[in-house]
Amino acid sequence: MANWLVTLGGWLVAATTVISMNVYGASLANGKATDESVCDMTPNTTGLIARSTLIPADSPAQIQTDVYFRLSARFVSDHCSDGQVLILGSRTGDSIDQAVLTKLANLACVVADVSRVETTARGFGTSVVHGYELRCRIARTRALRDELSQLEAAEPTSSVVARVQNPKAAAKAQPSTSPSLTRRDCDKMTLATTIMGGGPCR
């Protein structure tokens, strides 16, 4: 009986070991295997986000930066935790990536812990594009969530995304003049209101 229990106990330990070796960590790329030690947002962080959320490349850089930061930070906040190694990737090293990835790494990790590794990838034909990866250990998820809460309070992410996707509609939604100011102008006695019986305020 004792030998049976020892054998069963050994089997359970072995099974637990196998299960733990097959745990998948957080990965922004669909189907990309990793482990629980990593929050992997490579190979191209903003490019992966753009696959699920339309962000026009011709929209102002400032609003693109805002949207990409919010969405990438939300992924870290929702799927990653302190102690995991955060890996961020830029395929081309452009200014938007630089702003988004640097801000995210500096907020989620201790700044001194952030390291950068240069990368290369094939472009069109025989061309080569130069990018980089940022790596650091996540230590400040609470600070990251606080930053997201402040941004949401100022303007919800859904509203920012709507503005960047349809700037003309967003512009039309903004009132051109204040109703109270217009009403005040109509209350003034002018030559037009005297001769035309109220003018355009009728």
N, C-alpha and C. Protein backbone atom coordinates (compact mmCIF):
# COMPACT_ATOMS: atom_id res chain seq x y z
N MET A 1 0.84 -1.21 0.00
CA MET A 1 0.00 0.00 0.00
C MET A 1 0.87 1.26 0.00
N ALA A 2 1.93 1.20 0.84
CA ALA A 2 2.82 2.35 0.94
C ALA A 2 3.52 2.59 -0.39
N ASN A 3 3.97 1.48 -1.03
CA ASN A 3 4.64 1.62 -2.32
C ASN A 3 3.70 2.22 -3.37
N TRP A 4 2.44 1.84 -3.31
CA TRP A 4 1.44 2.38 -4.26
C TRP A 4 1.27 3.88 -4.09
N LEU A 5 1.25 4.30 -2.80
CA LEU A 5 1.10 5.73 -2.52
C LEU A 5 2.32 6.51 -2.99
N VAL A 6 3.50 5.92 -2.79
CA VAL A 6 4.72 6.58 -3.25
C VAL A 6 4.71 6.73 -4.76
N THR A 7 4.28 5.65 -5.44
CA THR A 7 4.21 5.69 -6.91
C THR A 7 3.21 6.73 -7.39
N LEU A 8 2.05 6.78 -6.74
CA LEU A 8 1.03 7.76 -7.11
C LEU A 8 1.52 9.18 -6.86
N GLY A 9 2.19 9.36 -5.73
CA GLY A 9 2.72 10.69 -5.43
C GLY A 9 3.74 11.13 -6.45
N GLY A 10 4.60 10.20 -6.87
CA GLY A 10 5.59 10.53 -7.88
C GLY A 10 4.96 10.88 -9.20
N TRP A 11 3.90 10.18 -9.56
CA TRP A 11 3.19 10.46 -10.82
C TRP A 11 2.57 11.85 -10.80
N LEU A 12 1.98 12.23 -9.66
CA LEU A 12 1.37 13.55 -9.54
C LEU A 12 2.41 14.65 -9.65
N VAL A 13 3.57 14.45 -9.01
CA VAL A 13 4.64 15.44 -9.13
C VAL A 13 5.08 15.58 -10.57
N ALA A 14 5.25 14.45 -11.26
CA ALA A 14 5.67 14.47 -12.66
C ALA A 14 4.63 15.17 -13.53
N ALA A 15 3.34 14.87 -13.29
CA ALA A 15 2.27 15.48 -14.08
C ALA A 15 2.23 16.98 -13.85
N THR A 16 2.42 17.40 -12.60
CA THR A 16 2.42 18.84 -12.28
C THR A 16 3.57 19.53 -12.99
N THR A 17 4.73 18.87 -13.03
CA THR A 17 5.89 19.44 -13.70
C THR A 17 5.62 19.64 -15.19
N VAL A 18 5.00 18.65 -15.82
CA VAL A 18 4.69 18.74 -17.25
C VAL A 18 3.72 19.88 -17.52
N ILE A 19 2.69 20.00 -16.66
CA ILE A 19 1.70 21.06 -16.84
C ILE A 19 2.35 22.43 -16.71
N SER A 20 3.21 22.61 -15.70
CA SER A 20 3.83 23.91 -15.48
C SER A 20 4.75 24.29 -16.64
N MET A 21 5.34 23.27 -17.29
CA MET A 21 6.23 23.56 -18.42
C MET A 21 5.44 23.99 -19.65
N ASN A 22 4.15 23.74 -19.67
CA ASN A 22 3.34 24.09 -20.83
C ASN A 22 2.42 25.28 -20.57
N VAL A 23 2.68 26.02 -19.51
CA VAL A 23 1.90 27.22 -19.23
C VAL A 23 2.31 28.30 -20.22
N TYR A 24 1.33 29.00 -20.78
CA TYR A 24 1.62 30.06 -21.74
C TYR A 24 1.51 31.41 -21.06
N GLY A 25 2.50 32.25 -21.28
CA GLY A 25 2.46 33.59 -20.75
C GLY A 25 1.64 34.49 -21.67
N ALA A 26 1.70 35.78 -21.40
CA ALA A 26 0.95 36.74 -22.20
C ALA A 26 1.69 37.05 -23.49
N SER A 27 0.99 36.93 -24.62
CA SER A 27 1.58 37.21 -25.91
C SER A 27 0.61 38.03 -26.75
N LEU A 28 1.08 39.16 -27.26
CA LEU A 28 0.22 40.02 -28.07
C LEU A 28 -0.06 39.40 -29.43
N ALA A 29 0.88 38.64 -29.96
CA ALA A 29 0.69 37.97 -31.26
C ALA A 29 -0.12 36.70 -31.05
N ASN A 30 -1.19 36.55 -31.81
CA ASN A 30 -2.05 35.37 -31.68
C ASN A 30 -1.27 34.09 -31.97
N GLY A 31 -1.42 33.12 -31.06
CA GLY A 31 -0.81 31.82 -31.28
C GLY A 31 0.66 31.74 -31.01
N LYS A 32 1.27 32.81 -30.53
CA LYS A 32 2.70 32.79 -30.25
C LYS A 32 2.95 32.17 -28.88
N ALA A 33 3.70 31.09 -28.84
CA ALA A 33 3.94 30.38 -27.58
C ALA A 33 5.01 31.09 -26.77
N THR A 34 4.79 31.15 -25.46
CA THR A 34 5.79 31.71 -24.56
C THR A 34 5.60 31.02 -23.22
N ASP A 35 6.15 31.54 -22.16
CA ASP A 35 5.92 30.94 -20.85
C ASP A 35 5.54 32.03 -19.86
N GLU A 36 5.27 31.61 -18.62
CA GLU A 36 4.70 32.53 -17.64
C GLU A 36 5.67 33.62 -17.20
N SER A 37 6.94 33.52 -17.59
CA SER A 37 7.92 34.52 -17.16
C SER A 37 7.92 35.76 -18.05
N VAL A 38 7.17 35.71 -19.18
CA VAL A 38 7.30 36.75 -20.20
C VAL A 38 5.96 37.39 -20.55
N CYS A 39 6.00 38.70 -20.75
CA CYS A 39 4.88 39.45 -21.36
C CYS A 39 5.41 39.91 -22.71
N ASP A 40 5.12 39.14 -23.75
CA ASP A 40 5.76 39.30 -25.06
C ASP A 40 4.86 40.09 -26.01
N MET A 41 5.33 41.28 -26.42
CA MET A 41 4.58 42.12 -27.34
C MET A 41 5.37 42.34 -28.62
N THR A 42 6.17 41.35 -28.99
CA THR A 42 6.96 41.41 -30.22
C THR A 42 6.30 40.53 -31.28
N PRO A 43 6.70 40.66 -32.57
CA PRO A 43 7.88 41.37 -33.03
C PRO A 43 7.67 42.86 -33.31
N ASN A 44 6.46 43.31 -33.45
CA ASN A 44 6.19 44.70 -33.85
C ASN A 44 4.97 45.18 -33.08
N THR A 45 5.19 45.77 -31.93
CA THR A 45 4.11 46.07 -30.98
C THR A 45 2.99 46.89 -31.60
N THR A 46 3.30 48.05 -32.17
CA THR A 46 2.24 48.90 -32.73
C THR A 46 1.61 48.25 -33.96
N GLY A 47 2.40 47.51 -34.73
CA GLY A 47 1.84 46.82 -35.89
C GLY A 47 0.84 45.75 -35.49
N LEU A 48 1.10 45.04 -34.41
CA LEU A 48 0.18 44.02 -33.93
C LEU A 48 -1.11 44.66 -33.43
N ILE A 49 -1.00 45.81 -32.76
CA ILE A 49 -2.19 46.52 -32.29
C ILE A 49 -3.02 46.99 -33.47
N ALA A 50 -2.35 47.47 -34.51
CA ALA A 50 -3.06 47.98 -35.68
C ALA A 50 -3.84 46.90 -36.42
N ARG A 51 -3.50 45.63 -36.19
CA ARG A 51 -4.26 44.55 -36.83
C ARG A 51 -5.67 44.45 -36.29
N SER A 52 -5.87 44.84 -35.05
CA SER A 52 -7.19 44.72 -34.43
C SER A 52 -7.91 46.05 -34.30
N THR A 53 -7.18 47.16 -34.38
CA THR A 53 -7.78 48.49 -34.27
C THR A 53 -7.27 49.37 -35.39
N LEU A 54 -8.16 49.87 -36.23
CA LEU A 54 -7.76 50.70 -37.36
C LEU A 54 -7.25 52.05 -36.85
N ILE A 55 -5.99 52.35 -37.16
CA ILE A 55 -5.39 53.63 -36.80
C ILE A 55 -4.75 54.19 -38.07
N PRO A 56 -5.43 55.11 -38.77
CA PRO A 56 -4.91 55.61 -40.05
C PRO A 56 -3.51 56.19 -39.92
N ALA A 57 -2.64 55.80 -40.83
CA ALA A 57 -1.25 56.25 -40.79
C ALA A 57 -1.11 57.74 -41.09
N ASP A 58 -2.14 58.34 -41.74
CA ASP A 58 -2.05 59.76 -42.07
C ASP A 58 -2.67 60.65 -40.99
N SER A 59 -3.10 60.07 -39.89
CA SER A 59 -3.64 60.89 -38.79
C SER A 59 -2.48 61.52 -38.04
N PRO A 60 -2.74 62.62 -37.30
CA PRO A 60 -1.66 63.31 -36.60
C PRO A 60 -0.85 62.38 -35.70
N ALA A 61 0.46 62.56 -35.68
CA ALA A 61 1.34 61.69 -34.90
C ALA A 61 0.98 61.69 -33.42
N GLN A 62 0.56 62.84 -32.90
CA GLN A 62 0.25 62.94 -31.48
C GLN A 62 -0.91 62.04 -31.08
N ILE A 63 -1.96 62.02 -31.91
CA ILE A 63 -3.11 61.20 -31.57
C ILE A 63 -2.81 59.72 -31.82
N GLN A 64 -1.99 59.41 -32.84
CA GLN A 64 -1.57 58.02 -33.04
C GLN A 64 -0.81 57.52 -31.81
N THR A 65 0.09 58.36 -31.31
CA THR A 65 0.87 58.00 -30.13
C THR A 65 -0.04 57.74 -28.94
N ASP A 66 -1.03 58.59 -28.76
CA ASP A 66 -1.97 58.45 -27.64
C ASP A 66 -2.73 57.12 -27.73
N VAL A 67 -3.26 56.82 -28.92
CA VAL A 67 -4.04 55.58 -29.08
C VAL A 67 -3.17 54.36 -28.90
N TYR A 68 -2.01 54.34 -29.55
CA TYR A 68 -1.13 53.17 -29.43
C TYR A 68 -0.68 52.95 -27.99
N PHE A 69 -0.38 54.04 -27.28
CA PHE A 69 0.03 53.87 -25.89
C PHE A 69 -1.10 53.31 -25.04
N ARG A 70 -2.29 53.87 -25.19
CA ARG A 70 -3.43 53.39 -24.39
C ARG A 70 -3.69 51.90 -24.62
N LEU A 71 -3.70 51.49 -25.89
CA LEU A 71 -4.04 50.10 -26.20
C LEU A 71 -2.94 49.14 -25.77
N SER A 72 -1.69 49.51 -25.96
CA SER A 72 -0.60 48.63 -25.53
C SER A 72 -0.50 48.58 -24.01
N ALA A 73 -0.72 49.71 -23.35
CA ALA A 73 -0.70 49.73 -21.89
C ALA A 73 -1.86 48.93 -21.32
N ARG A 74 -3.00 48.96 -21.99
CA ARG A 74 -4.16 48.18 -21.54
C ARG A 74 -3.86 46.69 -21.62
N PHE A 75 -3.14 46.27 -22.66
CA PHE A 75 -2.78 44.86 -22.76
C PHE A 75 -1.91 44.44 -21.58
N VAL A 76 -0.90 45.25 -21.26
CA VAL A 76 -0.02 44.94 -20.13
C VAL A 76 -0.82 44.92 -18.83
N SER A 77 -1.68 45.91 -18.66
CA SER A 77 -2.48 46.01 -17.43
C SER A 77 -3.40 44.81 -17.25
N ASP A 78 -4.00 44.34 -18.35
CA ASP A 78 -4.99 43.27 -18.28
C ASP A 78 -4.38 41.86 -18.28
N HIS A 79 -3.22 41.69 -18.93
CA HIS A 79 -2.71 40.34 -19.16
C HIS A 79 -1.36 40.03 -18.52
N CYS A 80 -0.68 41.05 -18.02
CA CYS A 80 0.66 40.84 -17.50
C CYS A 80 0.72 41.21 -16.02
N SER A 81 1.83 40.85 -15.38
CA SER A 81 1.94 41.10 -13.95
C SER A 81 3.37 41.41 -13.56
N ASP A 82 3.54 41.98 -12.38
CA ASP A 82 4.86 42.29 -11.87
C ASP A 82 5.71 41.01 -11.82
N GLY A 83 6.97 41.16 -12.19
CA GLY A 83 7.88 40.02 -12.19
C GLY A 83 8.11 39.44 -13.57
N GLN A 84 7.16 39.63 -14.48
CA GLN A 84 7.35 39.15 -15.85
C GLN A 84 8.29 40.08 -16.61
N VAL A 85 9.00 39.52 -17.57
CA VAL A 85 9.85 40.32 -18.44
C VAL A 85 9.00 40.87 -19.59
N LEU A 86 8.95 42.18 -19.69
CA LEU A 86 8.20 42.84 -20.76
C LEU A 86 9.11 42.98 -21.97
N ILE A 87 8.62 42.53 -23.13
CA ILE A 87 9.39 42.64 -24.37
C ILE A 87 8.56 43.43 -25.38
N LEU A 88 9.09 44.56 -25.80
CA LEU A 88 8.42 45.43 -26.77
C LEU A 88 9.27 45.50 -28.03
N GLY A 89 8.62 45.58 -29.19
CA GLY A 89 9.38 45.57 -30.43
C GLY A 89 8.97 46.66 -31.40
N SER A 90 9.95 47.25 -32.06
CA SER A 90 9.70 48.21 -33.14
C SER A 90 10.39 47.69 -34.39
N ARG A 91 9.63 47.55 -35.46
CA ARG A 91 10.20 46.99 -36.70
C ARG A 91 11.05 48.02 -37.43
N THR A 92 10.64 49.30 -37.36
CA THR A 92 11.35 50.32 -38.13
C THR A 92 12.01 51.39 -37.28
N GLY A 93 11.67 51.46 -36.00
CA GLY A 93 12.27 52.46 -35.13
C GLY A 93 11.79 53.88 -35.39
N ASP A 94 10.55 54.04 -35.89
CA ASP A 94 10.05 55.38 -36.19
C ASP A 94 9.72 56.14 -34.91
N SER A 95 9.40 57.43 -35.07
CA SER A 95 9.22 58.31 -33.91
C SER A 95 8.01 57.94 -33.07
N ILE A 96 6.94 57.41 -33.69
CA ILE A 96 5.76 57.01 -32.93
C ILE A 96 6.08 55.81 -32.05
N ASP A 97 6.77 54.82 -32.61
CA ASP A 97 7.21 53.68 -31.81
C ASP A 97 8.09 54.14 -30.67
N GLN A 98 9.00 55.04 -30.97
CA GLN A 98 9.93 55.52 -29.95
C GLN A 98 9.17 56.13 -28.77
N ALA A 99 8.17 56.94 -29.07
CA ALA A 99 7.40 57.60 -28.00
C ALA A 99 6.56 56.59 -27.23
N VAL A 100 5.86 55.71 -27.95
CA VAL A 100 4.94 54.76 -27.31
C VAL A 100 5.69 53.73 -26.47
N LEU A 101 6.67 53.08 -27.06
CA LEU A 101 7.36 51.99 -26.37
C LEU A 101 8.20 52.48 -25.20
N THR A 102 8.83 53.63 -25.37
CA THR A 102 9.63 54.19 -24.28
C THR A 102 8.75 54.56 -23.09
N LYS A 103 7.62 55.20 -23.36
CA LYS A 103 6.72 55.58 -22.28
C LYS A 103 6.17 54.36 -21.57
N LEU A 104 5.78 53.33 -22.33
CA LEU A 104 5.23 52.13 -21.73
C LEU A 104 6.27 51.42 -20.87
N ALA A 105 7.48 51.25 -21.38
CA ALA A 105 8.53 50.59 -20.61
C ALA A 105 8.88 51.36 -19.35
N ASN A 106 8.97 52.68 -19.46
CA ASN A 106 9.34 53.50 -18.30
C ASN A 106 8.26 53.53 -17.23
N LEU A 107 7.00 53.36 -17.64
CA LEU A 107 5.91 53.34 -16.67
C LEU A 107 5.74 51.97 -16.03
N ALA A 108 5.88 50.91 -16.82
CA ALA A 108 5.65 49.56 -16.31
C ALA A 108 6.83 49.01 -15.54
N CYS A 109 8.03 49.50 -15.84
CA CYS A 109 9.25 48.95 -15.24
C CYS A 109 10.02 50.06 -14.51
N VAL A 110 11.07 49.66 -13.82
CA VAL A 110 12.03 50.61 -13.28
C VAL A 110 12.87 51.11 -14.46
N VAL A 111 12.98 52.42 -14.63
CA VAL A 111 13.63 53.00 -15.81
C VAL A 111 15.04 52.45 -16.00
N ALA A 112 15.80 52.32 -14.91
CA ALA A 112 17.19 51.85 -15.02
C ALA A 112 17.28 50.41 -15.50
N ASP A 113 16.17 49.68 -15.45
CA ASP A 113 16.17 48.27 -15.83
C ASP A 113 15.88 48.07 -17.32
N VAL A 114 15.49 49.14 -18.03
CA VAL A 114 15.11 49.01 -19.44
C VAL A 114 16.37 48.89 -20.30
N SER A 115 16.42 47.84 -21.09
CA SER A 115 17.54 47.65 -22.02
C SER A 115 17.03 47.64 -23.45
N ARG A 116 17.92 48.00 -24.36
CA ARG A 116 17.55 48.09 -25.78
C ARG A 116 18.51 47.23 -26.60
N VAL A 117 17.93 46.44 -27.53
CA VAL A 117 18.72 45.60 -28.42
C VAL A 117 18.32 45.93 -29.85
N GLU A 118 19.28 46.25 -30.70
CA GLU A 118 19.00 46.55 -32.10
C GLU A 118 18.65 45.28 -32.85
N THR A 119 17.71 45.39 -33.79
CA THR A 119 17.29 44.24 -34.59
C THR A 119 17.27 44.61 -36.06
N THR A 120 17.25 43.60 -36.91
CA THR A 120 17.10 43.81 -38.35
C THR A 120 16.06 42.84 -38.88
N ALA A 121 15.38 43.26 -39.94
CA ALA A 121 14.38 42.40 -40.58
C ALA A 121 14.38 42.69 -42.07
N ARG A 122 13.88 41.75 -42.85
CA ARG A 122 13.81 41.94 -44.29
C ARG A 122 12.69 42.91 -44.64
N GLY A 123 12.99 43.83 -45.55
CA GLY A 123 11.99 44.74 -46.06
C GLY A 123 11.52 44.27 -47.42
N PHE A 124 11.24 45.22 -48.30
CA PHE A 124 10.84 44.86 -49.65
C PHE A 124 12.06 44.45 -50.47
N GLY A 125 11.92 43.35 -51.20
CA GLY A 125 13.03 42.88 -52.02
C GLY A 125 14.21 42.46 -51.16
N THR A 126 15.34 43.08 -51.43
CA THR A 126 16.56 42.74 -50.68
C THR A 126 16.88 43.76 -49.59
N SER A 127 15.98 44.72 -49.39
CA SER A 127 16.24 45.77 -48.40
C SER A 127 16.14 45.22 -46.98
N VAL A 128 16.81 45.90 -46.08
CA VAL A 128 16.82 45.53 -44.67
C VAL A 128 16.32 46.70 -43.84
N VAL A 129 15.42 46.44 -42.91
CA VAL A 129 14.92 47.50 -42.03
C VAL A 129 15.51 47.29 -40.65
N HIS A 130 15.85 48.39 -40.00
CA HIS A 130 16.49 48.34 -38.69
C HIS A 130 15.50 48.76 -37.61
N GLY A 131 15.32 47.91 -36.64
CA GLY A 131 14.43 48.20 -35.52
C GLY A 131 15.13 47.91 -34.21
N TYR A 132 14.33 47.64 -33.18
CA TYR A 132 14.92 47.34 -31.88
C TYR A 132 13.90 46.67 -30.98
N GLU A 133 14.38 46.11 -29.88
CA GLU A 133 13.53 45.58 -28.83
C GLU A 133 13.88 46.26 -27.51
N LEU A 134 12.85 46.53 -26.71
CA LEU A 134 13.06 47.00 -25.34
C LEU A 134 12.67 45.86 -24.40
N ARG A 135 13.50 45.64 -23.40
CA ARG A 135 13.21 44.59 -22.42
C ARG A 135 13.41 45.14 -21.01
N CYS A 136 12.52 44.73 -20.11
CA CYS A 136 12.66 45.11 -18.71
C CYS A 136 11.72 44.24 -17.88
N ARG A 137 11.97 44.19 -16.59
CA ARG A 137 11.11 43.40 -15.71
C ARG A 137 9.99 44.29 -15.18
N ILE A 138 8.74 43.87 -15.38
CA ILE A 138 7.59 44.65 -14.93
C ILE A 138 7.60 44.75 -13.40
N ALA A 139 7.46 45.98 -12.90
CA ALA A 139 7.50 46.20 -11.45
C ALA A 139 6.47 47.23 -10.99
N ARG A 140 5.76 47.86 -11.96
CA ARG A 140 4.92 48.99 -11.58
C ARG A 140 3.54 48.93 -12.27
N THR A 141 2.90 47.77 -12.22
CA THR A 141 1.59 47.65 -12.87
C THR A 141 0.57 48.60 -12.23
N ARG A 142 0.69 48.85 -10.94
CA ARG A 142 -0.25 49.76 -10.28
C ARG A 142 -0.12 51.17 -10.84
N ALA A 143 1.12 51.63 -11.03
CA ALA A 143 1.35 52.96 -11.60
C ALA A 143 0.81 53.03 -13.02
N LEU A 144 0.97 51.95 -13.76
CA LEU A 144 0.46 51.91 -15.14
C LEU A 144 -1.06 51.99 -15.15
N ARG A 145 -1.71 51.28 -14.26
CA ARG A 145 -3.18 51.32 -14.19
C ARG A 145 -3.66 52.70 -13.75
N ASP A 146 -2.93 53.35 -12.85
CA ASP A 146 -3.30 54.70 -12.42
C ASP A 146 -3.22 55.67 -13.60
N GLU A 147 -2.18 55.53 -14.42
CA GLU A 147 -2.03 56.38 -15.60
C GLU A 147 -3.19 56.17 -16.57
N LEU A 148 -3.56 54.92 -16.79
CA LEU A 148 -4.68 54.62 -17.68
C LEU A 148 -5.98 55.18 -17.14
N SER A 149 -6.18 55.10 -15.83
CA SER A 149 -7.41 55.64 -15.22
C SER A 149 -7.50 57.14 -15.43
N GLN A 150 -6.38 57.84 -15.30
CA GLN A 150 -6.38 59.29 -15.51
C GLN A 150 -6.68 59.64 -16.96
N LEU A 151 -6.11 58.88 -17.89
CA LEU A 151 -6.38 59.12 -19.30
C LEU A 151 -7.84 58.86 -19.64
N GLU A 152 -8.41 57.79 -19.08
CA GLU A 152 -9.82 57.47 -19.32
C GLU A 152 -10.73 58.55 -18.77
N ALA A 153 -10.37 59.10 -17.61
CA ALA A 153 -11.18 60.15 -17.01
C ALA A 153 -11.17 61.41 -17.86
N ALA A 154 -10.02 61.69 -18.49
CA ALA A 154 -9.91 62.87 -19.35
C ALA A 154 -10.70 62.69 -20.64
N GLU A 155 -10.58 61.51 -21.25
CA GLU A 155 -11.34 61.16 -22.45
C GLU A 155 -11.27 59.64 -22.64
N PRO A 156 -12.41 58.97 -22.74
CA PRO A 156 -12.40 57.51 -22.91
C PRO A 156 -11.64 57.09 -24.17
N THR A 157 -10.97 55.97 -24.09
CA THR A 157 -10.22 55.47 -25.24
C THR A 157 -11.11 55.27 -26.46
N SER A 158 -12.34 54.82 -26.24
CA SER A 158 -13.26 54.62 -27.36
C SER A 158 -13.50 55.92 -28.12
N SER A 159 -13.54 57.03 -27.40
CA SER A 159 -13.73 58.34 -28.02
C SER A 159 -12.49 58.75 -28.82
N VAL A 160 -11.32 58.49 -28.26
CA VAL A 160 -10.08 58.83 -28.95
C VAL A 160 -9.95 58.01 -30.23
N VAL A 161 -10.28 56.73 -30.16
CA VAL A 161 -10.22 55.87 -31.34
C VAL A 161 -11.20 56.34 -32.41
N ALA A 162 -12.40 56.76 -31.98
CA ALA A 162 -13.39 57.26 -32.93
C ALA A 162 -12.89 58.52 -33.63
N ARG A 163 -12.20 59.38 -32.89
CA ARG A 163 -11.66 60.61 -33.47
C ARG A 163 -10.60 60.33 -34.51
N VAL A 164 -9.72 59.37 -34.22
CA VAL A 164 -8.64 59.09 -35.15
C VAL A 164 -9.16 58.33 -36.37
N GLN A 165 -10.21 57.56 -36.21
CA GLN A 165 -10.76 56.80 -37.34
C GLN A 165 -11.67 57.65 -38.22
N ASN A 166 -12.34 58.63 -37.66
CA ASN A 166 -13.27 59.47 -38.42
C ASN A 166 -13.16 60.92 -37.97
N PRO A 167 -12.05 61.59 -38.31
CA PRO A 167 -11.84 62.96 -37.83
C PRO A 167 -12.89 63.95 -38.30
N LYS A 168 -13.48 63.75 -39.49
CA LYS A 168 -14.49 64.69 -39.99
C LYS A 168 -15.75 64.64 -39.13
N ALA A 169 -16.17 63.43 -38.78
CA ALA A 169 -17.35 63.29 -37.93
C ALA A 169 -17.09 63.88 -36.55
N ALA A 170 -15.88 63.70 -36.04
CA ALA A 170 -15.54 64.23 -34.73
C ALA A 170 -15.56 65.76 -34.75
N ALA A 171 -15.09 66.34 -35.87
CA ALA A 171 -15.08 67.80 -35.99
C ALA A 171 -16.50 68.36 -36.04
N LYS A 172 -17.40 67.64 -36.73
CA LYS A 172 -18.78 68.09 -36.81
C LYS A 172 -19.48 68.01 -35.46
N ALA A 173 -19.05 67.07 -34.64
CA ALA A 173 -19.67 66.90 -33.33
C ALA A 173 -19.30 68.01 -32.37
N GLN A 174 -18.22 68.74 -32.67
CA GLN A 174 -17.82 69.84 -31.81
C GLN A 174 -18.66 71.07 -32.12
N PRO A 175 -19.31 71.71 -31.12
CA PRO A 175 -20.10 72.91 -31.37
C PRO A 175 -19.21 74.06 -31.80
N SER A 176 -19.64 74.77 -32.86
CA SER A 176 -18.82 75.87 -33.39
C SER A 176 -18.94 77.12 -32.53
N THR A 177 -20.07 77.34 -31.92
CA THR A 177 -20.25 78.51 -31.06
C THR A 177 -20.99 78.09 -29.81
N SER A 178 -20.86 78.88 -28.81
CA SER A 178 -21.55 78.61 -27.55
C SER A 178 -22.99 79.06 -27.65
N PRO A 179 -24.00 78.20 -27.33
CA PRO A 179 -25.40 78.59 -27.38
C PRO A 179 -25.70 79.79 -26.52
N SER A 180 -25.07 79.84 -25.34
CA SER A 180 -25.34 80.96 -24.44
C SER A 180 -24.83 82.26 -25.03
N LEU A 181 -23.66 82.20 -25.73
CA LEU A 181 -23.11 83.39 -26.35
C LEU A 181 -24.01 83.86 -27.48
N THR A 182 -24.49 82.91 -28.30
CA THR A 182 -25.38 83.25 -29.40
C THR A 182 -26.66 83.89 -28.88
N ARG A 183 -27.21 83.38 -27.82
CA ARG A 183 -28.44 83.92 -27.25
C ARG A 183 -28.23 85.33 -26.73
N ARG A 184 -27.01 85.55 -26.12
CA ARG A 184 -26.70 86.87 -25.62
C ARG A 184 -26.64 87.87 -26.75
N ASP A 185 -26.04 87.49 -27.88
CA ASP A 185 -25.94 88.38 -29.03
C ASP A 185 -27.32 88.71 -29.58
N CYS A 186 -28.23 87.75 -29.55
CA CYS A 186 -29.57 87.98 -30.07
C CYS A 186 -30.35 88.92 -29.16
N ASP A 187 -30.01 88.96 -27.91
CA ASP A 187 -30.73 89.82 -26.98
C ASP A 187 -30.33 91.28 -27.10
N LYS A 188 -29.18 91.54 -27.81
CA LYS A 188 -28.73 92.92 -27.94
C LYS A 188 -29.63 93.69 -28.92
N MET A 189 -29.87 94.96 -28.65
CA MET A 189 -30.63 95.82 -29.55
C MET A 189 -29.68 96.39 -30.59
N THR A 190 -29.84 95.98 -31.85
CA THR A 190 -28.99 96.46 -32.93
C THR A 190 -29.87 97.04 -34.03
N LEU A 191 -29.22 97.66 -35.05
CA LEU A 191 -29.95 98.22 -36.18
C LEU A 191 -30.70 97.12 -36.92
N ALA A 192 -30.07 95.94 -37.05
CA ALA A 192 -30.71 94.84 -37.77
C ALA A 192 -31.95 94.36 -37.05
N THR A 193 -31.89 94.25 -35.72
CA THR A 193 -33.05 93.76 -34.98
C THR A 193 -34.16 94.78 -34.99
N THR A 194 -33.82 96.06 -35.09
CA THR A 194 -34.85 97.10 -35.12
C THR A 194 -35.55 97.15 -36.47
N ILE A 195 -34.76 97.13 -37.56
CA ILE A 195 -35.34 97.27 -38.89
C ILE A 195 -36.00 95.98 -39.35
N MET A 196 -35.31 94.81 -39.10
CA MET A 196 -35.78 93.54 -39.63
C MET A 196 -36.65 92.78 -38.64
N GLY A 197 -36.93 93.40 -37.54
CA GLY A 197 -37.80 92.74 -36.58
C GLY A 197 -37.18 91.54 -35.93
N GLY A 198 -35.90 91.64 -35.60
CA GLY A 198 -35.23 90.51 -34.90
C GLY A 198 -34.10 89.93 -35.69
N GLY A 199 -34.03 90.21 -37.00
CA GLY A 199 -32.93 89.73 -37.81
C GLY A 199 -32.86 88.21 -37.80
N PRO A 200 -31.66 87.67 -37.75
CA PRO A 200 -31.52 86.22 -37.80
C PRO A 200 -31.94 85.51 -36.52
N CYS A 201 -32.26 86.27 -35.48
CA CYS A 201 -32.64 85.63 -34.20
C CYS A 201 -34.13 85.37 -34.12
N ARG A 202 -34.87 85.67 -35.17
CA ARG A 202 -36.33 85.45 -35.09
C ARG A 202 -36.66 83.99 -34.97
